[in-house]
Amino acid sequence: MFFLCLLGLAWIQPFTVSLHTEHIRVKADHVLQVIDDMFVGVTLESGRLRSQQFNFSSPKVLALGKALAPGYLRIGGTSGDSLVFDPTHSIATGYQRPVTAKNWDDLNMFLHKTGLKLVFGLNVMLRDGTKWDPANAKLLLKYSSDKGYPIAGFELGNEPNLFYRHWNTTVSDAQLGRDYKELKHVLEETVYKSSLILGPDIAGYAPRFINNFLSNGGASVINVLTVHHYYFNGHSATLEDYSKSSIMDKLIPNINTVMDIVRNHHGLMAWLGETSSGTGGGTPGISDRYVAGNLWLDKLGLSAKNGIKGVMRQAIFGSHYSLLDSNNNPNPDYWLTLLYKRLVGNKVFDVPSTSDNIRLYAHCTKLNNVYNYKPGSITVYALNLNKAPIILTISDLQGKTADAFWLTPEGGDLKSQKVRLNGKTLELVNNQIPHMTPRHLGSRQMTVPGNTFGFIVIPDANIAACQSHGHGTIIG
């Protein structure tokens, strides 16, 4: 066992009341799971390709996108099943939404400059009788190939188990499996034959739909099994819902359902292909505030710990749960996502906790990091869901120091749209990411305020499994 001490934040004043003390033990002799640097991605609704609000060429947007690389940008959502590629302005009819050659060029310029990789959802509602019509997809693929645009992955349709709600029609799980086989055939005739194929991109966890899809062709085609996850209806959720461990824990059986299916199909992996706090765009005045980080950070921890290999955050822009506001300025979850990507590495360890309201996760520190942490270091991220502060400590520090990246809401307001890192408000500086520096800690115990979260790095932990990208013993 590696015993880890999480140490004191200098600006926190001592409390006269008796505080709960959590003794942290990271089981660093066993690697639970392995993820990669692409684990956290972002999404954008297909309809936003035609929006002027999210300007792909804006220096601010480019700087914010580049900071999230490496990662995937998934273009999809409900609007994707009304989208058609229309370079000649002569194809789209009726309810269909055209994507022009300029729209597509602007997107690909953004991808090239930021380093994000594209996962694109094709329109499955373009149909020839009962089956998918690939004609428009072929047009898009040829245009992209001629331009030399890379496309990392493809989806076909969005939330097909809800087509009856969005489109007043249905596509059966079996037919969708056959449509995916056709997609594979189309891609094999192009330069994109090695791109990922992801699906069925369903809403929620529907084992019967997934299994029928897989048994009717899907299993022979897809590389990644995708499901969508939201905790609740965003418009009926309360502030308290964003800090409840009981709500967070509902994700665990859902992940287990998907992982049981994945284990029966060799080589298949699972992603949360679209996910955020609440459906319907999130909760106004809450989903884009500091408190939403509880659900987001815990979801990343639970997903990595339980075998999910990718988490695509809905959305980088648009709606109440977006990482950026309507002026393309970062919301609190943007900064949280950025810190996660900078600090959290590929190997996952178990960290027992004595309380449901103290959520603890541990990984190797990311090997290629901007802070020059050396191989062997470890990163713990912690959430204190209690209203009262707690003390984090261990039995044996062995002279090791720690760096803290602790995030708190500006003014102590959980509904603040501003977040502080170690007491300093995070804001763009001339459209550039500010320095996000840690607080170097000595060998003191750490007093953690109520309803807060953050990261602690132990640079000199010297964990054997964290010395390289290779993994140790994998359990599960």
Protein backbone atom coordinates (compact mmCIF):
# COMPACT_ATOMS: atom_id res chain seq x y z
CA MET A 1 0.00 0.00 0.00
CA PHE A 2 1.06 3.56 -0.65
CA PHE A 3 -0.09 5.85 2.12
CA LEU A 4 -0.78 9.37 0.92
CA CYS A 5 -0.98 12.58 2.90
CA LEU A 6 -3.07 15.46 1.63
CA LEU A 7 -1.84 18.60 3.24
CA GLY A 8 -3.07 21.94 4.53
CA LEU A 9 -4.24 24.92 2.52
CA ALA A 10 -2.60 27.99 4.01
CA TRP A 11 -5.54 30.32 3.54
CA ILE A 12 -7.96 28.11 5.46
CA GLN A 13 -8.23 29.30 9.06
CA PRO A 14 -8.23 26.70 11.85
CA PHE A 15 -11.64 25.72 13.15
CA THR A 16 -12.48 25.52 16.80
CA VAL A 17 -15.01 22.71 16.32
CA SER A 18 -14.01 19.08 16.00
CA LEU A 19 -13.72 18.12 12.32
CA HIS A 20 -14.14 14.77 10.62
CA THR A 21 -10.76 13.35 9.64
CA GLU A 22 -10.43 11.17 6.55
CA HIS A 23 -7.35 8.95 6.42
CA ILE A 24 -6.51 8.39 2.79
CA ARG A 25 -4.97 5.19 1.50
CA VAL A 26 -4.22 4.79 -2.20
CA LYS A 27 -3.91 1.15 -3.22
CA ALA A 28 -1.14 1.86 -5.69
CA ASP A 29 0.13 -1.73 -5.89
CA HIS A 30 -2.77 -2.68 -8.21
CA VAL A 31 -3.91 -0.89 -11.37
CA LEU A 32 -7.70 -1.04 -11.61
CA GLN A 33 -8.09 0.35 -15.12
CA VAL A 34 -6.12 2.08 -17.85
CA ILE A 35 -7.40 5.09 -19.81
CA ASP A 36 -5.59 7.28 -22.34
CA ASP A 37 -5.03 10.97 -23.03
CA MET A 38 -8.19 11.07 -25.17
CA PHE A 39 -10.42 9.99 -22.27
CA VAL A 40 -12.14 13.36 -21.91
CA GLY A 41 -13.67 14.85 -25.05
CA VAL A 42 -16.26 17.51 -25.80
CA THR A 43 -19.34 17.68 -27.99
CA LEU A 44 -21.04 20.27 -30.14
CA GLU A 45 -24.57 20.06 -31.51
CA SER A 46 -24.57 19.61 -35.29
CA GLY A 47 -26.81 22.63 -35.69
CA ARG A 48 -24.06 24.82 -34.22
CA LEU A 49 -22.01 24.32 -37.38
CA ARG A 50 -24.19 27.00 -38.92
CA SER A 51 -24.16 29.30 -35.89
CA GLN A 52 -22.33 32.60 -35.84
CA GLN A 53 -22.11 32.64 -32.01
CA PHE A 54 -19.49 29.91 -31.81
CA ASN A 55 -16.94 31.40 -34.17
CA PHE A 56 -14.43 28.70 -35.14
CA SER A 57 -11.87 31.31 -36.20
CA SER A 58 -12.07 33.45 -33.05
CA PRO A 59 -8.68 33.69 -31.29
CA LYS A 60 -10.46 33.12 -27.98
CA VAL A 61 -12.27 30.00 -29.19
CA LEU A 62 -9.11 28.64 -30.78
CA ALA A 63 -7.11 29.15 -27.58
CA LEU A 64 -9.78 27.47 -25.45
CA GLY A 65 -10.11 24.55 -27.87
CA LYS A 66 -6.37 24.02 -28.17
CA ALA A 67 -6.01 23.83 -24.39
CA LEU A 68 -8.39 20.84 -24.34
CA ALA A 69 -6.29 18.82 -26.81
CA PRO A 70 -5.56 16.00 -27.11
CA GLY A 71 -9.19 14.95 -27.24
CA TYR A 72 -12.17 14.30 -29.47
CA LEU A 73 -14.74 16.83 -30.63
CA ARG A 74 -17.95 14.94 -31.26
CA ILE A 75 -20.36 16.69 -33.63
CA GLY A 76 -23.81 15.17 -33.25
CA GLY A 77 -26.99 15.37 -31.23
CA THR A 78 -30.64 15.48 -32.23
CA SER A 79 -30.03 18.11 -34.92
CA GLY A 80 -27.61 15.73 -36.66
CA ASP A 81 -30.52 13.68 -37.97
CA SER A 82 -31.79 16.66 -39.94
CA LEU A 83 -28.38 17.67 -41.27
CA VAL A 84 -27.30 17.29 -44.90
CA PHE A 85 -24.04 18.26 -46.54
CA ASP A 86 -25.02 20.79 -49.19
CA PRO A 87 -21.95 22.28 -50.91
CA THR A 88 -23.98 23.44 -53.93
CA HIS A 89 -26.90 24.92 -51.92
CA SER A 90 -29.27 22.69 -53.86
CA ILE A 91 -29.77 19.54 -51.77
CA ALA A 92 -31.53 20.35 -48.48
CA THR A 93 -35.32 20.33 -48.55
CA GLY A 94 -38.10 20.69 -46.02
CA TYR A 95 -36.98 20.17 -42.43
CA GLN A 96 -33.39 19.42 -43.47
CA ARG A 97 -30.61 21.72 -42.29
CA PRO A 98 -27.84 22.38 -44.82
CA VAL A 99 -24.15 22.33 -43.95
CA THR A 100 -22.29 24.26 -46.61
CA ALA A 101 -18.77 23.69 -47.85
CA LYS A 102 -17.72 26.81 -45.92
CA ASN A 103 -19.29 25.47 -42.72
CA TRP A 104 -17.32 22.25 -43.14
CA ASP A 105 -14.10 24.07 -44.03
CA ASP A 106 -14.41 26.33 -40.97
CA LEU A 107 -14.85 23.30 -38.70
CA ASN A 108 -11.84 21.54 -40.15
CA MET A 109 -9.72 24.66 -39.85
CA PHE A 110 -10.63 24.76 -36.16
CA LEU A 111 -9.72 21.08 -35.73
CA HIS A 112 -6.40 21.56 -37.47
CA LYS A 113 -5.43 24.57 -35.36
CA THR A 114 -6.54 23.11 -32.02
CA GLY A 115 -5.42 19.50 -32.47
CA LEU A 116 -8.83 18.10 -31.53
CA LYS A 117 -9.96 15.02 -33.47
CA LEU A 118 -13.37 14.79 -35.10
CA VAL A 119 -16.09 12.24 -34.37
CA PHE A 120 -18.98 13.04 -36.71
CA GLY A 121 -22.57 11.85 -36.49
CA LEU A 122 -24.08 11.07 -39.91
CA ASN A 123 -27.78 11.54 -40.58
CA VAL A 124 -29.52 8.16 -40.30
CA MET A 125 -32.91 9.68 -41.16
CA LEU A 126 -31.88 9.90 -44.82
CA ARG A 127 -33.56 6.66 -45.83
CA ASP A 128 -34.34 4.62 -48.91
CA GLY A 129 -37.46 2.83 -47.83
CA THR A 130 -36.61 0.96 -44.65
CA LYS A 131 -32.82 1.26 -44.93
CA TRP A 132 -30.30 4.06 -44.61
CA ASP A 133 -29.43 5.96 -47.81
CA PRO A 134 -25.65 6.70 -47.79
CA ALA A 135 -25.65 9.04 -50.84
CA ASN A 136 -25.18 12.26 -48.84
CA ALA A 137 -22.57 10.63 -46.60
CA LYS A 138 -20.61 9.64 -49.70
CA LEU A 139 -20.70 13.23 -50.91
CA LEU A 140 -19.32 14.45 -47.60
CA LEU A 141 -16.64 11.75 -47.53
CA LYS A 142 -15.46 12.56 -51.05
CA TYR A 143 -15.31 16.29 -50.35
CA SER A 144 -13.38 15.65 -47.11
CA SER A 145 -11.02 13.20 -48.78
CA ASP A 146 -10.29 15.60 -51.63
CA LYS A 147 -9.50 18.32 -49.07
CA GLY A 148 -7.33 15.99 -46.97
CA TYR A 149 -9.52 16.38 -43.87
CA PRO A 150 -8.98 13.66 -41.24
CA ILE A 151 -12.05 12.20 -39.51
CA ALA A 152 -11.26 10.07 -36.49
CA GLY A 153 -14.66 8.45 -36.10
CA PHE A 154 -18.24 8.16 -37.33
CA GLU A 155 -21.61 7.69 -35.68
CA LEU A 156 -24.86 6.96 -37.48
CA GLY A 157 -27.90 8.53 -35.89
CA ASN A 158 -28.44 10.03 -32.45
CA GLU A 159 -30.50 8.37 -29.71
CA PRO A 160 -32.32 5.97 -32.06
CA ASN A 161 -34.40 4.62 -29.18
CA LEU A 162 -36.05 8.06 -28.99
CA PHE A 163 -36.80 8.55 -32.69
CA TYR A 164 -40.49 8.16 -31.93
CA ARG A 165 -40.24 11.28 -29.77
CA HIS A 166 -38.06 13.47 -32.00
CA TRP A 167 -39.12 12.35 -35.48
CA ASN A 168 -42.44 10.53 -35.02
CA THR A 169 -40.93 7.42 -36.55
CA THR A 170 -38.88 4.40 -35.52
CA VAL A 171 -35.80 2.56 -36.73
CA SER A 172 -35.58 -0.85 -35.09
CA ASP A 173 -32.48 -1.99 -33.25
CA ALA A 174 -32.06 -4.78 -35.81
CA GLN A 175 -32.38 -2.41 -38.78
CA LEU A 176 -29.90 -0.03 -37.19
CA GLY A 177 -27.41 -2.88 -36.97
CA ARG A 178 -27.85 -3.47 -40.70
CA ASP A 179 -27.50 0.28 -41.39
CA TYR A 180 -24.18 0.24 -39.55
CA LYS A 181 -23.00 -2.63 -41.74
CA GLU A 182 -23.76 -0.43 -44.74
CA LEU A 183 -21.78 2.42 -43.13
CA LYS A 184 -18.81 0.07 -42.75
CA HIS A 185 -19.07 -0.92 -46.38
CA VAL A 186 -19.16 2.74 -47.46
CA LEU A 187 -16.11 3.64 -45.38
CA GLU A 188 -14.11 0.71 -46.73
CA GLU A 189 -14.26 2.34 -50.16
CA THR A 190 -12.67 5.56 -48.84
CA VAL A 191 -9.54 6.80 -47.06
CA TYR A 192 -11.58 6.60 -43.85
CA LYS A 193 -11.67 2.81 -43.75
CA SER A 194 -9.61 2.81 -40.53
CA SER A 195 -11.69 5.45 -38.73
CA LEU A 196 -13.53 4.45 -35.57
CA ILE A 197 -17.18 3.47 -35.86
CA LEU A 198 -19.21 4.32 -32.76
CA GLY A 199 -22.75 3.36 -31.81
CA PRO A 200 -25.60 2.87 -31.22
CA ASP A 201 -25.49 6.19 -29.32
CA ILE A 202 -28.67 5.44 -27.40
CA ALA A 203 -30.27 7.48 -24.65
CA GLY A 204 -29.80 5.74 -21.32
CA TYR A 205 -28.97 2.09 -20.73
CA ALA A 206 -31.23 -0.24 -22.72
CA PRO A 207 -29.64 -3.72 -22.79
CA ARG A 208 -32.28 -5.22 -25.08
CA PHE A 209 -31.79 -2.50 -27.72
CA ILE A 210 -28.01 -2.76 -27.49
CA ASN A 211 -27.93 -6.56 -27.70
CA ASN A 212 -30.32 -6.68 -30.67
CA PHE A 213 -28.27 -4.00 -32.42
CA LEU A 214 -25.07 -5.96 -31.82
CA SER A 215 -26.50 -9.31 -32.90
CA ASN A 216 -27.84 -7.85 -36.16
CA GLY A 217 -24.54 -6.59 -37.48
CA GLY A 218 -23.45 -3.98 -34.99
CA ALA A 219 -20.97 -6.26 -33.21
CA SER A 220 -19.07 -6.90 -36.45
CA VAL A 221 -18.82 -3.18 -37.20
CA ILE A 222 -18.43 -0.90 -34.20
CA ASN A 223 -15.22 -0.24 -32.30
CA VAL A 224 -16.87 1.74 -29.52
CA LEU A 225 -20.20 1.11 -27.80
CA THR A 226 -21.73 4.50 -27.01
CA VAL A 227 -24.51 5.40 -24.58
CA HIS A 228 -25.72 8.76 -23.32
CA HIS A 229 -25.96 9.60 -19.64
CA TYR A 230 -27.72 12.35 -17.70
CA TYR A 231 -28.54 12.23 -14.00
CA PHE A 232 -31.97 13.85 -14.11
CA ASN A 233 -34.34 16.22 -15.89
CA GLY A 234 -32.38 19.44 -15.85
CA HIS A 235 -35.44 21.66 -15.58
CA SER A 236 -36.81 19.99 -12.44
CA ALA A 237 -33.47 19.49 -10.66
CA THR A 238 -32.59 21.49 -7.55
CA LEU A 239 -29.34 22.96 -6.30
CA GLU A 240 -29.12 20.18 -3.72
CA ASP A 241 -29.29 17.51 -6.45
CA TYR A 242 -25.87 18.63 -7.67
CA SER A 243 -24.22 17.61 -4.39
CA LYS A 244 -25.98 14.33 -3.54
CA SER A 245 -23.86 11.20 -3.37
CA SER A 246 -27.02 9.10 -3.85
CA ILE A 247 -27.52 10.68 -7.28
CA MET A 248 -23.86 10.23 -8.19
CA ASP A 249 -23.98 6.55 -7.23
CA LYS A 250 -26.80 5.87 -9.71
CA LEU A 251 -24.18 5.99 -12.45
CA ILE A 252 -22.46 2.85 -11.14
CA PRO A 253 -25.12 0.21 -12.02
CA ASN A 254 -25.62 1.90 -15.39
CA ILE A 255 -21.93 1.58 -16.21
CA ASN A 256 -21.95 -2.02 -14.96
CA THR A 257 -24.80 -2.84 -17.35
CA VAL A 258 -22.79 -1.58 -20.31
CA MET A 259 -19.56 -3.21 -19.17
CA ASP A 260 -21.30 -6.59 -18.84
CA ILE A 261 -22.22 -6.32 -22.52
CA VAL A 262 -18.77 -5.10 -23.59
CA ARG A 263 -17.01 -8.00 -21.88
CA ASN A 264 -18.92 -10.41 -24.11
CA HIS A 265 -17.49 -8.82 -27.28
CA HIS A 266 -13.73 -9.04 -27.66
CA GLY A 267 -12.03 -5.78 -28.57
CA LEU A 268 -15.08 -3.60 -27.90
CA MET A 269 -14.81 -0.60 -25.58
CA ALA A 270 -17.47 1.66 -24.07
CA TRP A 271 -17.82 5.43 -23.99
CA LEU A 272 -20.30 7.80 -22.50
CA GLY A 273 -20.78 9.22 -25.98
CA GLU A 274 -22.74 12.24 -24.76
CA THR A 275 -23.10 13.21 -21.13
CA SER A 276 -23.69 16.07 -18.75
CA SER A 277 -25.74 16.89 -15.66
CA GLY A 278 -29.41 17.12 -16.66
CA THR A 279 -31.41 16.61 -19.82
CA GLY A 280 -33.08 19.49 -21.62
CA GLY A 281 -29.91 21.55 -21.73
CA GLY A 282 -29.29 21.38 -17.99
CA THR A 283 -30.59 23.48 -15.11
CA PRO A 284 -30.75 27.26 -15.66
CA GLY A 285 -28.49 29.11 -13.24
CA ILE A 286 -26.97 25.89 -11.85
CA SER A 287 -25.51 23.65 -14.61
CA ASP A 288 -23.03 26.34 -15.63
CA ARG A 289 -22.02 27.24 -12.08
CA TYR A 290 -19.41 26.00 -9.63
CA VAL A 291 -21.65 23.40 -7.98
CA ALA A 292 -22.04 21.48 -11.25
CA GLY A 293 -18.41 20.45 -10.92
CA ASN A 294 -19.43 17.93 -8.26
CA LEU A 295 -21.32 15.79 -10.75
CA TRP A 296 -18.76 16.30 -13.52
CA LEU A 297 -15.64 15.43 -11.53
CA ASP A 298 -17.32 12.47 -9.86
CA LYS A 299 -18.53 11.17 -13.23
CA LEU A 300 -14.99 11.26 -14.56
CA GLY A 301 -13.76 9.38 -11.51
CA LEU A 302 -16.45 6.70 -11.54
CA SER A 303 -16.21 6.22 -15.30
CA ALA A 304 -12.44 5.70 -15.29
CA LYS A 305 -12.59 3.44 -12.24
CA ASN A 306 -15.30 1.21 -13.70
CA GLY A 307 -13.93 0.64 -17.20
CA ILE A 308 -15.37 3.40 -19.39
CA LYS A 309 -12.71 4.46 -21.94
CA GLY A 310 -14.12 7.79 -23.10
CA VAL A 311 -16.39 10.54 -21.72
CA MET A 312 -17.73 13.12 -24.18
CA ARG A 313 -18.91 16.23 -22.35
CA GLN A 314 -22.09 17.83 -23.64
CA ALA A 315 -21.31 20.53 -24.67
CA ILE A 316 -18.46 22.89 -25.36
CA PHE A 317 -20.96 25.60 -26.32
CA GLY A 318 -24.73 26.13 -26.15
CA SER A 319 -27.31 25.39 -23.43
CA HIS A 320 -27.04 25.70 -19.67
CA TYR A 321 -24.50 22.90 -19.17
CA SER A 322 -21.90 24.23 -21.61
CA LEU A 323 -18.22 24.64 -20.83
CA LEU A 324 -18.33 28.11 -22.42
CA ASP A 325 -20.93 30.82 -21.92
CA SER A 326 -22.73 32.72 -24.69
CA ASN A 327 -19.72 35.05 -25.04
CA ASN A 328 -17.32 32.10 -25.33
CA ASN A 329 -15.92 32.70 -21.84
CA PRO A 330 -15.09 29.67 -19.68
CA ASN A 331 -17.63 28.43 -17.16
CA PRO A 332 -16.32 26.67 -14.02
CA ASP A 333 -16.49 23.20 -15.59
CA TYR A 334 -14.13 24.34 -18.34
CA TRP A 335 -11.40 25.05 -15.81
CA LEU A 336 -12.14 21.78 -14.02
CA THR A 337 -11.89 19.86 -17.30
CA LEU A 338 -8.63 21.59 -18.19
CA LEU A 339 -7.02 20.75 -14.85
CA TYR A 340 -8.17 17.14 -15.17
CA LYS A 341 -6.58 16.84 -18.59
CA ARG A 342 -3.35 18.43 -17.38
CA LEU A 343 -2.93 16.35 -14.23
CA VAL A 344 -4.75 13.02 -14.44
CA GLY A 345 -2.86 10.16 -16.05
CA ASN A 346 -3.73 6.81 -17.54
CA LYS A 347 -3.56 4.35 -14.64
CA VAL A 348 -6.37 4.20 -12.11
CA PHE A 349 -6.08 3.09 -8.48
CA ASP A 350 -8.59 2.35 -5.75
CA VAL A 351 -8.97 4.82 -2.87
CA PRO A 352 -11.33 3.64 -0.11
CA SER A 353 -13.40 6.27 1.68
CA THR A 354 -15.22 5.97 4.99
CA SER A 355 -17.96 8.40 3.96
CA ASP A 356 -20.33 8.63 0.99
CA ASN A 357 -19.90 12.40 1.09
CA ILE A 358 -16.14 12.25 0.65
CA ARG A 359 -15.46 11.10 -2.89
CA LEU A 360 -11.87 10.10 -3.64
CA TYR A 361 -10.14 9.01 -6.87
CA ALA A 362 -6.49 8.43 -7.72
CA HIS A 363 -4.44 8.05 -10.90
CA CYS A 364 -0.86 8.24 -11.92
CA THR A 365 -0.02 11.82 -12.73
CA LYS A 366 -0.08 12.49 -16.46
CA LEU A 367 3.40 11.72 -17.74
CA ASN A 368 3.59 14.54 -20.30
CA ASN A 369 2.40 17.44 -18.16
CA VAL A 370 2.96 21.17 -18.18
CA TYR A 371 4.22 21.13 -14.58
CA ASN A 372 7.19 18.83 -15.24
CA TYR A 373 6.08 16.28 -12.65
CA LYS A 374 8.38 13.32 -13.02
CA PRO A 375 7.34 9.69 -13.64
CA GLY A 376 6.23 7.93 -10.48
CA SER A 377 4.11 10.79 -9.19
CA ILE A 378 0.45 10.35 -8.31
CA THR A 379 -2.63 12.57 -8.49
CA VAL A 380 -5.63 12.33 -6.17
CA TYR A 381 -8.85 14.21 -6.78
CA ALA A 382 -11.27 14.69 -3.94
CA LEU A 383 -14.77 16.04 -3.40
CA ASN A 384 -16.08 17.12 -0.01
CA LEU A 385 -19.86 17.04 -0.36
CA ASN A 386 -20.36 17.86 3.31
CA LYS A 387 -21.37 21.37 4.26
CA ALA A 388 -18.74 21.29 7.00
CA PRO A 389 -14.99 21.24 6.38
CA ILE A 390 -13.01 18.03 6.81
CA ILE A 391 -9.41 17.09 7.45
CA LEU A 392 -7.56 14.81 5.04
CA THR A 393 -4.56 13.01 6.47
CA ILE A 394 -2.61 9.73 6.54
CA SER A 395 -0.61 7.74 9.04
CA ASP A 396 2.79 8.12 7.37
CA LEU A 397 3.88 10.98 5.11
CA GLN A 398 7.50 9.82 4.97
CA GLY A 399 8.74 13.34 4.30
CA LYS A 400 6.88 13.72 1.00
CA THR A 401 5.41 17.07 0.01
CA ALA A 402 2.36 17.79 -2.13
CA ASP A 403 1.01 20.31 -4.62
CA ALA A 404 -2.61 21.38 -4.26
CA PHE A 405 -4.91 22.59 -7.03
CA TRP A 406 -7.99 23.43 -5.01
CA LEU A 407 -11.05 24.92 -6.69
CA THR A 408 -13.49 27.06 -4.72
CA PRO A 409 -16.40 29.27 -5.78
CA GLU A 410 -15.85 33.00 -5.88
CA GLY A 411 -17.47 34.56 -2.83
CA GLY A 412 -18.24 31.12 -1.40
CA ASP A 413 -21.42 30.96 -3.51
CA LEU A 414 -22.09 27.52 -5.00
CA LYS A 415 -23.98 29.25 -7.80
CA SER A 416 -21.01 31.42 -8.70
CA GLN A 417 -20.06 31.45 -12.36
CA LYS A 418 -16.49 32.23 -11.33
CA VAL A 419 -14.09 29.72 -9.82
CA ARG A 420 -10.91 30.28 -7.86
CA LEU A 421 -7.78 28.15 -8.02
CA ASN A 422 -5.92 28.31 -4.73
CA GLY A 423 -7.67 31.60 -3.98
CA LYS A 424 -7.13 33.27 -7.38
CA THR A 425 -10.05 33.75 -9.77
CA LEU A 426 -9.48 32.03 -13.11
CA GLU A 427 -10.02 34.23 -16.14
CA LEU A 428 -8.63 34.48 -19.65
CA VAL A 429 -5.76 36.92 -20.09
CA ASN A 430 -5.74 38.50 -23.57
CA ASN A 431 -7.60 35.44 -24.89
CA GLN A 432 -4.99 33.14 -23.40
CA ILE A 433 -5.11 30.55 -20.63
CA PRO A 434 -3.69 32.01 -17.38
CA HIS A 435 -0.97 30.31 -15.36
CA MET A 436 -2.69 27.67 -13.21
CA THR A 437 -0.09 27.25 -10.52
CA PRO A 438 -0.27 24.85 -7.58
CA ARG A 439 0.17 25.69 -3.93
CA HIS A 440 3.23 23.89 -2.62
CA LEU A 441 2.49 22.27 0.71
CA GLY A 442 4.66 21.11 3.55
CA SER A 443 3.98 18.19 5.84
CA ARG A 444 0.77 19.54 7.36
CA GLN A 445 -2.68 18.03 7.32
CA MET A 446 -5.16 19.43 4.87
CA THR A 447 -8.33 21.20 5.95
CA VAL A 448 -10.84 21.05 3.09
CA PRO A 449 -13.77 23.49 3.06
CA GLY A 450 -17.31 22.20 2.73
CA ASN A 451 -18.77 21.67 -0.74
CA THR A 452 -15.46 21.95 -2.60
CA PHE A 453 -13.20 19.82 -4.77
CA GLY A 454 -9.72 19.74 -6.21
CA PHE A 455 -6.54 17.87 -7.10
CA ILE A 456 -3.49 16.96 -5.07
CA VAL A 457 -0.25 15.83 -6.70
CA ILE A 458 2.48 13.93 -4.83
CA PRO A 459 5.52 14.52 -7.08
CA ASP A 460 7.87 12.19 -5.21
CA ALA A 461 5.48 9.30 -4.61
CA ASN A 462 7.75 7.00 -6.66
CA ILE A 463 4.94 4.61 -7.59
CA ALA A 464 6.28 1.77 -9.75
CA ALA A 465 3.19 1.57 -11.97
CA CYS A 466 3.48 5.30 -12.71
CA GLN A 467 7.00 5.15 -14.11
CA SER A 468 5.82 4.49 -17.68
CA HIS A 469 2.76 4.17 -19.91
CA GLY A 470 2.86 0.39 -19.41
CA HIS A 471 0.51 -0.96 -16.74
CA GLY A 472 0.82 -3.11 -13.70
CA THR A 473 -1.58 -5.81 -12.57
CA ILE A 474 -5.06 -5.06 -13.89
CA ILE A 475 -8.06 -6.09 -11.82
CA GLY A 476 -11.45 -6.39 -13.47
